[in-house]
Amino acid sequence: MASFSLTSTDAQDPSYIHTSNSRINTSTLEETLRHITPDFPYTSDICLLHTLPGCTFPWHWHKEVEIFYLRRGTMDYILPGGTCTFCQGEGGFINSGILHMTCCPKNQACIQEEHLFLPSFLGGGDTSILTTRYILPVTEQSGIELYRFDPAVPEHEKIIRLMRESYDCYEAAQEGYEFQVREYMVKIWRILFSLTKDFQADKKKRPHSDRIKLMMEFIASHYHEKLTLKQIADSAFVSPRECSRCFQEVLGQTPFLYLTDYRLHKACSFLAHTDLSITHISAACGFSSSSYFAQTFHKAFGCTPRQYAQENRSFP
């Protein structure tokens, strides 16, 4: 997860949402990180969540595992199975391949320190004993999606401390820092592996996760079209009634409210990073009219599309 920063060309490409350090494929919702490379599949970053449109980072997933520390404010991690609120000083772990979004209260700073790395960063090859014995039991376990680190718990506090030391080491980038960063992550993983042993034996899956992901991927690919409930439901091979129930139980909103939210966030990217007209952006994002678009935008973000563009446009 990273702050949005599109170029004009990027914003007009409907295939991706580009951020300062990554891009999200709008068809699959997969986020790929620019600084994750085969020769060093690790990166750390600071996310200023309160600076994003609606104080929200949209739905996405990534192959990397993510550990994080909340330096300031509060934030929600929203998964298909529910929402978990993190407060200043707490940290957490989100597993590889888990669909999620984050948001924070408006008018409140939210500063998050993130560490993301591919499992191979610690385990090496797929058949190594480190991978099979210590990495896969965590990353392939459906019961381990999101785990909270409470600084009042000694083992959790140790993970948070190691995380923060790793961030400082990565930022300083002195000779040999690659060794040191990996050592920090190995120490964290050893503690995490021990903490999650009970979850590793739980084979229970969340019933709606696969369905909701298919429907969200469909919306991401067709948000600019006039969609029906049946079309959304058909994408996951369920009935319209089951589609509505799934969205309500998992996301707490109707399919069309989710569709509107998605369209609004796409509109924010166009407004901030292109010189397209409000009418053009309204049509490109699937709104029936520019007046309805302006009304919906103002209700969601507290300003008109034109005001948002004037305050957030990132090119001359």
C-alpha atoms as a PDB file:
ATOM      1  CA  MET A   1       0.000   0.000   0.000  1.00  0.00           C
ATOM      2  CA  ALA A   2       1.314   3.447  -0.915  1.00  0.00           C
ATOM      3  CA  SER A   3       0.220   6.988  -1.657  1.00  0.00           C
ATOM      4  CA  PHE A   4      -1.450   7.642  -5.015  1.00  0.00           C
ATOM      5  CA  SER A   5       0.726   9.291  -7.643  1.00  0.00           C
ATOM      6  CA  LEU A   6      -0.418   8.856 -11.222  1.00  0.00           C
ATOM      7  CA  THR A   7       0.876  10.418 -14.376  1.00  0.00           C
ATOM      8  CA  SER A   8      -1.575  11.728 -16.949  1.00  0.00           C
ATOM      9  CA  THR A   9      -0.914   8.724 -19.197  1.00  0.00           C
ATOM     10  CA  ASP A  10      -1.265   6.270 -16.316  1.00  0.00           C
ATOM     11  CA  ALA A  11      -4.577   7.698 -15.166  1.00  0.00           C
ATOM     12  CA  GLN A  12      -6.128   7.272 -18.590  1.00  0.00           C
ATOM     13  CA  ASP A  13      -5.143   3.592 -18.687  1.00  0.00           C
ATOM     14  CA  PRO A  14      -8.153   1.762 -17.205  1.00  0.00           C
ATOM     15  CA  SER A  15      -6.101  -1.393 -16.614  1.00  0.00           C
ATOM     16  CA  TYR A  16      -4.245  -0.069 -13.561  1.00  0.00           C
ATOM     17  CA  ILE A  17      -4.430   2.272 -10.606  1.00  0.00           C
ATOM     18  CA  HIS A  18      -0.902   3.608 -10.214  1.00  0.00           C
ATOM     19  CA  THR A  19       0.492   4.671  -6.839  1.00  0.00           C
ATOM     20  CA  SER A  20       3.827   6.182  -5.867  1.00  0.00           C
ATOM     21  CA  ASN A  21       5.386   2.772  -5.200  1.00  0.00           C
ATOM     22  CA  SER A  22       3.018   0.289  -6.826  1.00  0.00           C
ATOM     23  CA  ARG A  23       0.131  -0.305  -9.183  1.00  0.00           C
ATOM     24  CA  ILE A  24      -3.161  -2.145  -8.777  1.00  0.00           C
ATOM     25  CA  ASN A  25      -4.483  -4.193 -11.686  1.00  0.00           C
ATOM     26  CA  THR A  26      -8.126  -3.138 -11.955  1.00  0.00           C
ATOM     27  CA  SER A  27      -9.128  -6.534 -13.373  1.00  0.00           C
ATOM     28  CA  THR A  28      -7.546  -8.781 -10.736  1.00  0.00           C
ATOM     29  CA  LEU A  29      -7.070  -6.215  -7.896  1.00  0.00           C
ATOM     30  CA  GLU A  30      -3.485  -7.452  -7.519  1.00  0.00           C
ATOM     31  CA  GLU A  31      -1.041  -4.831  -6.271  1.00  0.00           C
ATOM     32  CA  THR A  32       2.541  -5.117  -7.519  1.00  0.00           C
ATOM     33  CA  LEU A  33       5.271  -3.153  -5.764  1.00  0.00           C
ATOM     34  CA  ARG A  34       7.953  -1.383  -7.783  1.00  0.00           C
ATOM     35  CA  HIS A  35      10.738  -1.936  -5.252  1.00  0.00           C
ATOM     36  CA  ILE A  36      10.148  -5.686  -4.934  1.00  0.00           C
ATOM     37  CA  THR A  37      12.697  -7.316  -7.246  1.00  0.00           C
ATOM     38  CA  PRO A  38      13.871 -10.926  -7.698  1.00  0.00           C
ATOM     39  CA  ASP A  39      17.299 -10.074  -6.310  1.00  0.00           C
ATOM     40  CA  PHE A  40      15.885  -8.370  -3.177  1.00  0.00           C
ATOM     41  CA  PRO A  41      12.161  -9.073  -2.674  1.00  0.00           C
ATOM     42  CA  TYR A  42      11.625  -6.718   0.280  1.00  0.00           C
ATOM     43  CA  THR A  43      10.590  -3.097   0.745  1.00  0.00           C
ATOM     44  CA  SER A  44       9.454  -0.797   3.538  1.00  0.00           C
ATOM     45  CA  ASP A  45       7.532   2.448   3.271  1.00  0.00           C
ATOM     46  CA  ILE A  46       5.455   5.041   5.110  1.00  0.00           C
ATOM     47  CA  CYS A  47       1.778   5.348   4.161  1.00  0.00           C
ATOM     48  CA  LEU A  48      -0.062   8.606   4.926  1.00  0.00           C
ATOM     49  CA  LEU A  49      -3.535   7.141   4.702  1.00  0.00           C
ATOM     50  CA  HIS A  50      -5.288  10.415   5.591  1.00  0.00           C
ATOM     51  CA  THR A  51      -3.981  12.035   2.385  1.00  0.00           C
ATOM     52  CA  LEU A  52      -5.769   9.575   0.062  1.00  0.00           C
ATOM     53  CA  PRO A  53      -9.218  10.196  -1.444  1.00  0.00           C
ATOM     54  CA  GLY A  54     -11.832   9.521   1.207  1.00  0.00           C
ATOM     55  CA  CYS A  55      -8.998   8.538   3.587  1.00  0.00           C
ATOM     56  CA  THR A  56      -9.196   5.101   1.966  1.00  0.00           C
ATOM     57  CA  PHE A  57      -6.840   2.764   0.125  1.00  0.00           C
ATOM     58  CA  PRO A  58      -9.015   0.666  -2.212  1.00  0.00           C
ATOM     59  CA  TRP A  59      -9.484  -3.105  -2.301  1.00  0.00           C
ATOM     60  CA  HIS A  60      -6.356  -4.979  -3.351  1.00  0.00           C
ATOM     61  CA  TRP A  61      -4.167  -7.984  -2.584  1.00  0.00           C
ATOM     62  CA  HIS A  62      -0.485  -8.786  -3.066  1.00  0.00           C
ATOM     63  CA  LYS A  63       1.736 -11.841  -3.157  1.00  0.00           C
ATOM     64  CA  GLU A  64       3.953 -10.306  -0.498  1.00  0.00           C
ATOM     65  CA  VAL A  65       3.240 -10.748   3.204  1.00  0.00           C
ATOM     66  CA  GLU A  66       2.872  -7.475   5.049  1.00  0.00           C
ATOM     67  CA  ILE A  67       3.756  -6.460   8.581  1.00  0.00           C
ATOM     68  CA  PHE A  68       3.014  -2.968   9.785  1.00  0.00           C
ATOM     69  CA  TYR A  69       3.173  -0.560  12.704  1.00  0.00           C
ATOM     70  CA  LEU A  70       0.803   2.339  13.294  1.00  0.00           C
ATOM     71  CA  ARG A  71       2.891   5.354  14.190  1.00  0.00           C
ATOM     72  CA  ARG A  72      -0.044   7.736  14.558  1.00  0.00           C
ATOM     73  CA  GLY A  73      -3.846   7.721  14.517  1.00  0.00           C
ATOM     74  CA  THR A  74      -6.275   4.837  14.054  1.00  0.00           C
ATOM     75  CA  MET A  75      -7.091   2.796  10.988  1.00  0.00           C
ATOM     76  CA  ASP A  76      -9.360  -0.029   9.880  1.00  0.00           C
ATOM     77  CA  TYR A  77      -8.214  -3.096   7.976  1.00  0.00           C
ATOM     78  CA  ILE A  78     -11.275  -4.359   6.119  1.00  0.00           C
ATOM     79  CA  LEU A  79     -11.249  -7.945   4.867  1.00  0.00           C
ATOM     80  CA  PRO A  80     -14.051  -9.992   3.280  1.00  0.00           C
ATOM     81  CA  GLY A  81     -14.481 -11.627   6.681  1.00  0.00           C
ATOM     82  CA  GLY A  82     -14.750  -8.454   8.738  1.00  0.00           C
ATOM     83  CA  THR A  83     -13.060  -5.305  10.020  1.00  0.00           C
ATOM     84  CA  CYS A  84     -10.228  -4.893  12.524  1.00  0.00           C
ATOM     85  CA  THR A  85      -9.351  -1.493  14.004  1.00  0.00           C
ATOM     86  CA  PHE A  86      -5.745  -0.684  14.889  1.00  0.00           C
ATOM     87  CA  CYS A  87      -4.709   2.122  17.234  1.00  0.00           C
ATOM     88  CA  GLN A  88      -1.506   4.101  17.557  1.00  0.00           C
ATOM     89  CA  GLY A  89       1.354   1.916  18.787  1.00  0.00           C
ATOM     90  CA  GLU A  90      -0.168  -1.348  17.575  1.00  0.00           C
ATOM     91  CA  GLY A  91       1.005  -3.437  14.644  1.00  0.00           C
ATOM     92  CA  GLY A  92      -0.138  -6.335  12.562  1.00  0.00           C
ATOM     93  CA  PHE A  93       0.490  -9.016   9.963  1.00  0.00           C
ATOM     94  CA  ILE A  94      -1.544  -9.583   6.803  1.00  0.00           C
ATOM     95  CA  ASN A  95      -0.935 -12.753   4.855  1.00  0.00           C
ATOM     96  CA  SER A  96      -0.021 -13.259   1.223  1.00  0.00           C
ATOM     97  CA  GLY A  97      -2.939 -13.118  -1.208  1.00  0.00           C
ATOM     98  CA  ILE A  98      -5.479 -11.689   1.246  1.00  0.00           C
ATOM     99  CA  LEU A  99      -7.981  -9.245  -0.241  1.00  0.00           C
ATOM    100  CA  HIS A 100      -8.212  -6.104   1.903  1.00  0.00           C
ATOM    101  CA  MET A 101      -8.683  -2.359   2.016  1.00  0.00           C
ATOM    102  CA  THR A 102      -7.791   0.244   4.646  1.00  0.00           C
ATOM    103  CA  CYS A 103      -9.383   3.470   5.817  1.00  0.00           C
ATOM    104  CA  CYS A 104      -9.045   5.980   8.627  1.00  0.00           C
ATOM    105  CA  PRO A 105     -11.260   8.680  10.176  1.00  0.00           C
ATOM    106  CA  LYS A 106     -11.466  11.960   8.292  1.00  0.00           C
ATOM    107  CA  ASN A 107      -9.658  15.007   9.707  1.00  0.00           C
ATOM    108  CA  GLN A 108      -7.208  12.777  11.583  1.00  0.00           C
ATOM    109  CA  ALA A 109      -3.615  12.018  10.641  1.00  0.00           C
ATOM    110  CA  CYS A 110      -2.889   8.323  10.089  1.00  0.00           C
ATOM    111  CA  ILE A 111       0.759   7.330   9.616  1.00  0.00           C
ATOM    112  CA  GLN A 112       1.566   3.679   8.990  1.00  0.00           C
ATOM    113  CA  GLU A 113       4.967   2.026   8.693  1.00  0.00           C
ATOM    114  CA  GLU A 114       4.883  -0.957   6.325  1.00  0.00           C
ATOM    115  CA  HIS A 115       7.196  -3.870   5.541  1.00  0.00           C
ATOM    116  CA  LEU A 116       6.387  -6.129   2.594  1.00  0.00           C
ATOM    117  CA  PHE A 117       8.341  -9.107   1.306  1.00  0.00           C
ATOM    118  CA  LEU A 118       7.873 -12.263  -0.709  1.00  0.00           C
ATOM    119  CA  PRO A 119       8.042 -15.485   1.330  1.00  0.00           C
ATOM    120  CA  SER A 120      11.130 -16.438  -0.706  1.00  0.00           C
ATOM    121  CA  PHE A 121      12.981 -13.569   1.006  1.00  0.00           C
ATOM    122  CA  LEU A 122      13.141 -15.756   4.114  1.00  0.00           C
ATOM    123  CA  GLY A 123      12.668 -19.308   2.912  1.00  0.00           C
ATOM    124  CA  GLY A 124      14.543 -19.393  -0.376  1.00  0.00           C
ATOM    125  CA  GLY A 125      13.311 -21.982  -2.896  1.00  0.00           C
ATOM    126  CA  ASP A 126       9.897 -23.647  -2.817  1.00  0.00           C
ATOM    127  CA  THR A 127      11.364 -26.986  -1.733  1.00  0.00           C
ATOM    128  CA  SER A 128      13.774 -25.738   0.926  1.00  0.00           C
ATOM    129  CA  ILE A 129      13.216 -26.982   4.463  1.00  0.00           C
ATOM    130  CA  LEU A 130      12.814 -23.386   5.660  1.00  0.00           C
ATOM    131  CA  THR A 131       9.944 -22.863   3.230  1.00  0.00           C
ATOM    132  CA  THR A 132       8.162 -26.182   3.754  1.00  0.00           C
ATOM    133  CA  ARG A 133       8.564 -26.324   7.535  1.00  0.00           C
ATOM    134  CA  TYR A 134       8.243 -22.677   8.593  1.00  0.00           C
ATOM    135  CA  ILE A 135       6.925 -20.472   5.773  1.00  0.00           C
ATOM    136  CA  LEU A 136       4.150 -22.436   4.028  1.00  0.00           C
ATOM    137  CA  PRO A 137       2.375 -23.485   7.261  1.00  0.00           C
ATOM    138  CA  VAL A 138       1.654 -19.767   7.747  1.00  0.00           C
ATOM    139  CA  THR A 139       1.222 -18.413   4.208  1.00  0.00           C
ATOM    140  CA  GLU A 140      -0.960 -21.275   2.954  1.00  0.00           C
ATOM    141  CA  GLN A 141      -3.233 -21.391   5.988  1.00  0.00           C
ATOM    142  CA  SER A 142      -6.615 -19.808   5.240  1.00  0.00           C
ATOM    143  CA  GLY A 143      -7.219 -19.268   8.952  1.00  0.00           C
ATOM    144  CA  ILE A 144      -4.294 -16.833   9.208  1.00  0.00           C
ATOM    145  CA  GLU A 145      -5.410 -13.718   7.373  1.00  0.00           C
ATOM    146  CA  LEU A 146      -4.791 -10.819   9.759  1.00  0.00           C
ATOM    147  CA  TYR A 147      -2.988 -10.904  13.116  1.00  0.00           C
ATOM    148  CA  ARG A 148      -2.717  -8.036  15.603  1.00  0.00           C
ATOM    149  CA  PHE A 149       0.448  -7.107  17.531  1.00  0.00           C
ATOM    150  CA  ASP A 150      -0.403  -5.599  20.927  1.00  0.00           C
ATOM    151  CA  PRO A 151       2.567  -3.718  22.475  1.00  0.00           C
ATOM    152  CA  ALA A 152       1.355  -4.788  25.945  1.00  0.00           C
ATOM    153  CA  VAL A 153       2.186  -8.414  25.047  1.00  0.00           C
ATOM    154  CA  PRO A 154       5.969  -9.027  25.396  1.00  0.00           C
ATOM    155  CA  GLU A 155       6.347 -11.158  22.244  1.00  0.00           C
ATOM    156  CA  HIS A 156       4.268  -8.690  20.236  1.00  0.00           C
ATOM    157  CA  GLU A 157       6.277  -5.758  21.573  1.00  0.00           C
ATOM    158  CA  LYS A 158       9.453  -7.503  20.451  1.00  0.00           C
ATOM    159  CA  ILE A 159       8.075  -7.854  16.912  1.00  0.00           C
ATOM    160  CA  ILE A 160       7.177  -4.143  16.839  1.00  0.00           C
ATOM    161  CA  ARG A 161      10.637  -3.186  18.072  1.00  0.00           C
ATOM    162  CA  LEU A 162      12.366  -5.393  15.494  1.00  0.00           C
ATOM    163  CA  MET A 163      10.126  -3.946  12.793  1.00  0.00           C
ATOM    164  CA  ARG A 164      11.039  -0.374  13.657  1.00  0.00           C
ATOM    165  CA  GLU A 165      14.755  -1.184  13.837  1.00  0.00           C
ATOM    166  CA  SER A 166      14.494  -2.835  10.427  1.00  0.00           C
ATOM    167  CA  TYR A 167      12.851   0.276   8.970  1.00  0.00           C
ATOM    168  CA  ASP A 168      15.664   2.509  10.248  1.00  0.00           C
ATOM    169  CA  CYS A 169      18.240   0.072   8.878  1.00  0.00           C
ATOM    170  CA  TYR A 170      16.552  -0.032   5.451  1.00  0.00           C
ATOM    171  CA  GLU A 171      16.296   3.757   5.268  1.00  0.00           C
ATOM    172  CA  ALA A 172      19.960   4.265   6.249  1.00  0.00           C
ATOM    173  CA  ALA A 173      21.007   1.787   3.530  1.00  0.00           C
ATOM    174  CA  GLN A 174      24.529   1.427   4.874  1.00  0.00           C
ATOM    175  CA  GLU A 175      26.824  -1.317   3.580  1.00  0.00           C
ATOM    176  CA  GLY A 176      25.448  -4.723   4.496  1.00  0.00           C
ATOM    177  CA  TYR A 177      21.958  -3.448   5.299  1.00  0.00           C
ATOM    178  CA  GLU A 178      20.439  -6.203   3.140  1.00  0.00           C
ATOM    179  CA  PHE A 179      21.832  -8.821   5.555  1.00  0.00           C
ATOM    180  CA  GLN A 180      20.584  -6.898   8.563  1.00  0.00           C
ATOM    181  CA  VAL A 181      17.068  -6.359   7.203  1.00  0.00           C
ATOM    182  CA  ARG A 182      16.740 -10.056   6.408  1.00  0.00           C
ATOM    183  CA  GLU A 183      17.960 -10.938   9.915  1.00  0.00           C
ATOM    184  CA  TYR A 184      15.276  -8.688  11.415  1.00  0.00           C
ATOM    185  CA  MET A 185      12.553 -10.319   9.305  1.00  0.00           C
ATOM    186  CA  VAL A 186      13.769 -13.833  10.186  1.00  0.00           C
ATOM    187  CA  LYS A 187      13.590 -12.990  13.897  1.00  0.00           C
ATOM    188  CA  ILE A 188      10.078 -11.604  13.443  1.00  0.00           C
ATOM    189  CA  TRP A 189       8.969 -14.677  11.485  1.00  0.00           C
ATOM    190  CA  ARG A 190      10.247 -17.079  14.146  1.00  0.00           C
ATOM    191  CA  ILE A 191       8.076 -15.323  16.734  1.00  0.00           C
ATOM    192  CA  LEU A 192       5.092 -15.117  14.368  1.00  0.00           C
ATOM    193  CA  PHE A 193       5.382 -18.821  13.513  1.00  0.00           C
ATOM    194  CA  SER A 194       5.230 -19.690  17.208  1.00  0.00           C
ATOM    195  CA  LEU A 195       2.295 -17.345  17.850  1.00  0.00           C
ATOM    196  CA  THR A 196       0.195 -18.778  15.021  1.00  0.00           C
ATOM    197  CA  LYS A 197       0.669 -22.501  15.653  1.00  0.00           C
ATOM    198  CA  ASP A 198      -2.920 -22.928  16.818  1.00  0.00           C
ATOM    199  CA  PHE A 199      -4.208 -21.284  13.624  1.00  0.00           C
ATOM    200  CA  GLN A 200      -1.983 -23.455  11.443  1.00  0.00           C
ATOM    201  CA  ALA A 201      -4.027 -26.516  12.394  1.00  0.00           C
ATOM    202  CA  ASP A 202      -7.358 -24.832  11.541  1.00  0.00           C
ATOM    203  CA  LYS A 203      -8.496 -25.751   8.026  1.00  0.00           C
ATOM    204  CA  LYS A 204     -11.738 -23.753   8.142  1.00  0.00           C
ATOM    205  CA  LYS A 205     -12.281 -21.366   5.220  1.00  0.00           C
ATOM    206  CA  ARG A 206     -14.359 -18.230   5.044  1.00  0.00           C
ATOM    207  CA  PRO A 207     -17.365 -19.186   2.899  1.00  0.00           C
ATOM    208  CA  HIS A 208     -17.799 -16.012   0.871  1.00  0.00           C
ATOM    209  CA  SER A 209     -14.193 -14.942   0.211  1.00  0.00           C
ATOM    210  CA  ASP A 210     -13.842 -16.528  -3.229  1.00  0.00           C
ATOM    211  CA  ARG A 211     -17.266 -15.355  -4.389  1.00  0.00           C
ATOM    212  CA  ILE A 212     -16.829 -11.753  -3.289  1.00  0.00           C
ATOM    213  CA  LYS A 213     -13.402 -11.586  -4.888  1.00  0.00           C
ATOM    214  CA  LEU A 214     -14.793 -12.730  -8.249  1.00  0.00           C
ATOM    215  CA  MET A 215     -17.570 -10.133  -8.111  1.00  0.00           C
ATOM    216  CA  MET A 216     -15.198  -7.358  -7.089  1.00  0.00           C
ATOM    217  CA  GLU A 217     -12.869  -8.275  -9.942  1.00  0.00           C
ATOM    218  CA  PHE A 218     -15.821  -8.115 -12.338  1.00  0.00           C
ATOM    219  CA  ILE A 219     -16.798  -4.652 -11.082  1.00  0.00           C
ATOM    220  CA  ALA A 220     -13.195  -3.479 -11.397  1.00  0.00           C
ATOM    221  CA  SER A 221     -13.186  -4.528 -15.061  1.00  0.00           C
ATOM    222  CA  HIS A 222     -16.644  -3.191 -15.939  1.00  0.00           C
ATOM    223  CA  TYR A 223     -17.230  -0.218 -13.603  1.00  0.00           C
ATOM    224  CA  HIS A 224     -17.525   2.162 -16.581  1.00  0.00           C
ATOM    225  CA  GLU A 225     -20.468   0.186 -17.997  1.00  0.00           C
ATOM    226  CA  LYS A 226     -24.135   0.202 -16.989  1.00  0.00           C
ATOM    227  CA  LEU A 227     -24.214  -2.867 -14.746  1.00  0.00           C
ATOM    228  CA  THR A 228     -27.114  -4.904 -13.439  1.00  0.00           C
ATOM    229  CA  LEU A 229     -27.292  -6.988 -10.293  1.00  0.00           C
ATOM    230  CA  LYS A 230     -27.630 -10.114 -12.421  1.00  0.00           C
ATOM    231  CA  GLN A 231     -24.419  -9.353 -14.299  1.00  0.00           C
ATOM    232  CA  ILE A 232     -22.522  -8.953 -11.042  1.00  0.00           C
ATOM    233  CA  ALA A 233     -24.056 -12.145  -9.651  1.00  0.00           C
ATOM    234  CA  ASP A 234     -23.323 -14.118 -12.830  1.00  0.00           C
ATOM    235  CA  SER A 235     -19.622 -13.308 -12.524  1.00  0.00           C
ATOM    236  CA  ALA A 236     -19.504 -15.508  -9.392  1.00  0.00           C
ATOM    237  CA  PHE A 237     -22.099 -18.040 -10.603  1.00  0.00           C
ATOM    238  CA  VAL A 238     -24.615 -17.111  -7.894  1.00  0.00           C
ATOM    239  CA  SER A 239     -28.168 -15.764  -7.897  1.00  0.00           C
ATOM    240  CA  PRO A 240     -28.853 -12.012  -7.556  1.00  0.00           C
ATOM    241  CA  ARG A 241     -30.276 -12.660  -4.093  1.00  0.00           C
ATOM    242  CA  GLU A 242     -27.131 -14.540  -3.020  1.00  0.00           C
ATOM    243  CA  CYS A 243     -25.005 -11.784  -4.526  1.00  0.00           C
ATOM    244  CA  SER A 244     -26.741  -9.137  -2.400  1.00  0.00           C
ATOM    245  CA  ARG A 245     -26.534 -11.297   0.718  1.00  0.00           C
ATOM    246  CA  CYS A 246     -22.832 -11.945   0.142  1.00  0.00           C
ATOM    247  CA  PHE A 247     -22.001  -8.234  -0.207  1.00  0.00           C
ATOM    248  CA  GLN A 248     -24.068  -7.358   2.845  1.00  0.00           C
ATOM    249  CA  GLU A 249     -22.572 -10.067   5.061  1.00  0.00           C
ATOM    250  CA  VAL A 250     -18.986  -9.608   3.949  1.00  0.00           C
ATOM    251  CA  LEU A 251     -18.664  -5.883   3.167  1.00  0.00           C
ATOM    252  CA  GLY A 252     -21.666  -4.480   5.016  1.00  0.00           C
ATOM    253  CA  GLN A 253     -23.016  -2.737   1.911  1.00  0.00           C
ATOM    254  CA  THR A 254     -25.009  -3.498  -1.225  1.00  0.00           C
ATOM    255  CA  PRO A 255     -23.307  -4.358  -4.533  1.00  0.00           C
ATOM    256  CA  PHE A 256     -24.348  -0.994  -5.973  1.00  0.00           C
ATOM    257  CA  LEU A 257     -22.980   0.994  -3.041  1.00  0.00           C
ATOM    258  CA  TYR A 258     -19.672  -0.803  -3.526  1.00  0.00           C
ATOM    259  CA  LEU A 259     -19.843  -0.073  -7.278  1.00  0.00           C
ATOM    260  CA  THR A 260     -20.452   3.625  -6.581  1.00  0.00           C
ATOM    261  CA  ASP A 261     -17.521   3.783  -4.148  1.00  0.00           C
ATOM    262  CA  TYR A 262     -15.262   2.156  -6.729  1.00  0.00           C
ATOM    263  CA  ARG A 263     -16.357   4.611  -9.430  1.00  0.00           C
ATOM    264  CA  LEU A 264     -15.763   7.576  -7.129  1.00  0.00           C
ATOM    265  CA  HIS A 265     -12.189   6.507  -6.363  1.00  0.00           C
ATOM    266  CA  LYS A 266     -11.473   6.032 -10.059  1.00  0.00           C
ATOM    267  CA  ALA A 267     -12.865   9.524 -10.623  1.00  0.00           C
ATOM    268  CA  CYS A 268     -10.468  10.939  -8.002  1.00  0.00           C
ATOM    269  CA  SER A 269      -7.527   9.555  -9.986  1.00  0.00           C
ATOM    270  CA  PHE A 270      -8.780  11.151 -13.196  1.00  0.00           C
ATOM    271  CA  LEU A 271      -9.494  14.497 -11.501  1.00  0.00           C
ATOM    272  CA  ALA A 272      -6.087  14.733  -9.850  1.00  0.00           C
ATOM    273  CA  HIS A 273      -3.925  13.507 -12.690  1.00  0.00           C
ATOM    274  CA  THR A 274      -5.567  14.414 -16.012  1.00  0.00           C
ATOM    275  CA  ASP A 275      -7.036  17.510 -17.595  1.00  0.00           C
ATOM    276  CA  LEU A 276     -10.169  15.688 -18.761  1.00  0.00           C
ATOM    277  CA  SER A 277     -13.450  17.559 -18.318  1.00  0.00           C
ATOM    278  CA  ILE A 278     -15.864  16.753 -15.489  1.00  0.00           C
ATOM    279  CA  THR A 279     -18.363  15.513 -18.082  1.00  0.00           C
ATOM    280  CA  HIS A 280     -15.769  13.205 -19.656  1.00  0.00           C
ATOM    281  CA  ILE A 281     -14.684  11.822 -16.281  1.00  0.00           C
ATOM    282  CA  SER A 282     -18.293  11.298 -15.222  1.00  0.00           C
ATOM    283  CA  ALA A 283     -18.995   9.203 -18.317  1.00  0.00           C
ATOM    284  CA  ALA A 284     -15.665   7.336 -18.121  1.00  0.00           C
ATOM    285  CA  CYS A 285     -16.453   6.257 -14.561  1.00  0.00           C
ATOM    286  CA  GLY A 286     -19.940   4.982 -15.359  1.00  0.00           C
ATOM    287  CA  PHE A 287     -22.125   7.751 -13.914  1.00  0.00           C
ATOM    288  CA  SER A 288     -25.418   8.379 -15.707  1.00  0.00           C
ATOM    289  CA  SER A 289     -24.969  12.168 -15.750  1.00  0.00           C
ATOM    290  CA  SER A 290     -22.451  14.783 -14.694  1.00  0.00           C
ATOM    291  CA  SER A 291     -24.973  16.338 -12.282  1.00  0.00           C
ATOM    292  CA  TYR A 292     -25.532  13.019 -10.507  1.00  0.00           C
ATOM    293  CA  PHE A 293     -21.768  12.496 -10.442  1.00  0.00           C
ATOM    294  CA  ALA A 294     -21.208  15.910  -8.825  1.00  0.00           C
ATOM    295  CA  GLN A 295     -23.943  15.301  -6.260  1.00  0.00           C
ATOM    296  CA  THR A 296     -22.607  11.847  -5.325  1.00  0.00           C
ATOM    297  CA  PHE A 297     -19.006  13.071  -5.211  1.00  0.00           C
ATOM    298  CA  HIS A 298     -19.885  15.970  -2.887  1.00  0.00           C
ATOM    299  CA  LYS A 299     -21.785  13.664  -0.555  1.00  0.00           C
ATOM    300  CA  ALA A 300     -18.821  11.278  -0.331  1.00  0.00           C
ATOM    301  CA  PHE A 301     -15.902  13.725  -0.106  1.00  0.00           C
ATOM    302  CA  GLY A 302     -17.419  17.035   1.021  1.00  0.00           C
ATOM    303  CA  CYS A 303     -16.363  18.976  -2.063  1.00  0.00           C
ATOM    304  CA  THR A 304     -17.265  19.233  -5.733  1.00  0.00           C
ATOM    305  CA  PRO A 305     -15.253  17.374  -8.389  1.00  0.00           C
ATOM    306  CA  ARG A 306     -13.913  20.718  -9.647  1.00  0.00           C
ATOM    307  CA  GLN A 307     -12.765  21.745  -6.168  1.00  0.00           C
ATOM    308  CA  TYR A 308     -11.088  18.366  -5.690  1.00  0.00           C
ATOM    309  CA  ALA A 309      -9.228  18.728  -8.986  1.00  0.00           C
ATOM    310  CA  GLN A 310      -8.040  22.254  -8.115  1.00  0.00           C
ATOM    311  CA  GLU A 311      -6.711  21.137  -4.720  1.00  0.00           C
ATOM    312  CA  ASN A 312      -5.144  17.823  -5.773  1.00  0.00           C
ATOM    313  CA  ARG A 313      -4.014  18.204  -9.383  1.00  0.00           C
ATOM    314  CA  SER A 314      -0.414  17.004  -9.565  1.00  0.00           C
ATOM    315  CA  PHE A 315       0.694  18.444 -12.909  1.00  0.00           C
ATOM    316  CA  PRO A 316       0.901  21.992 -14.342  1.00  0.00           C
END
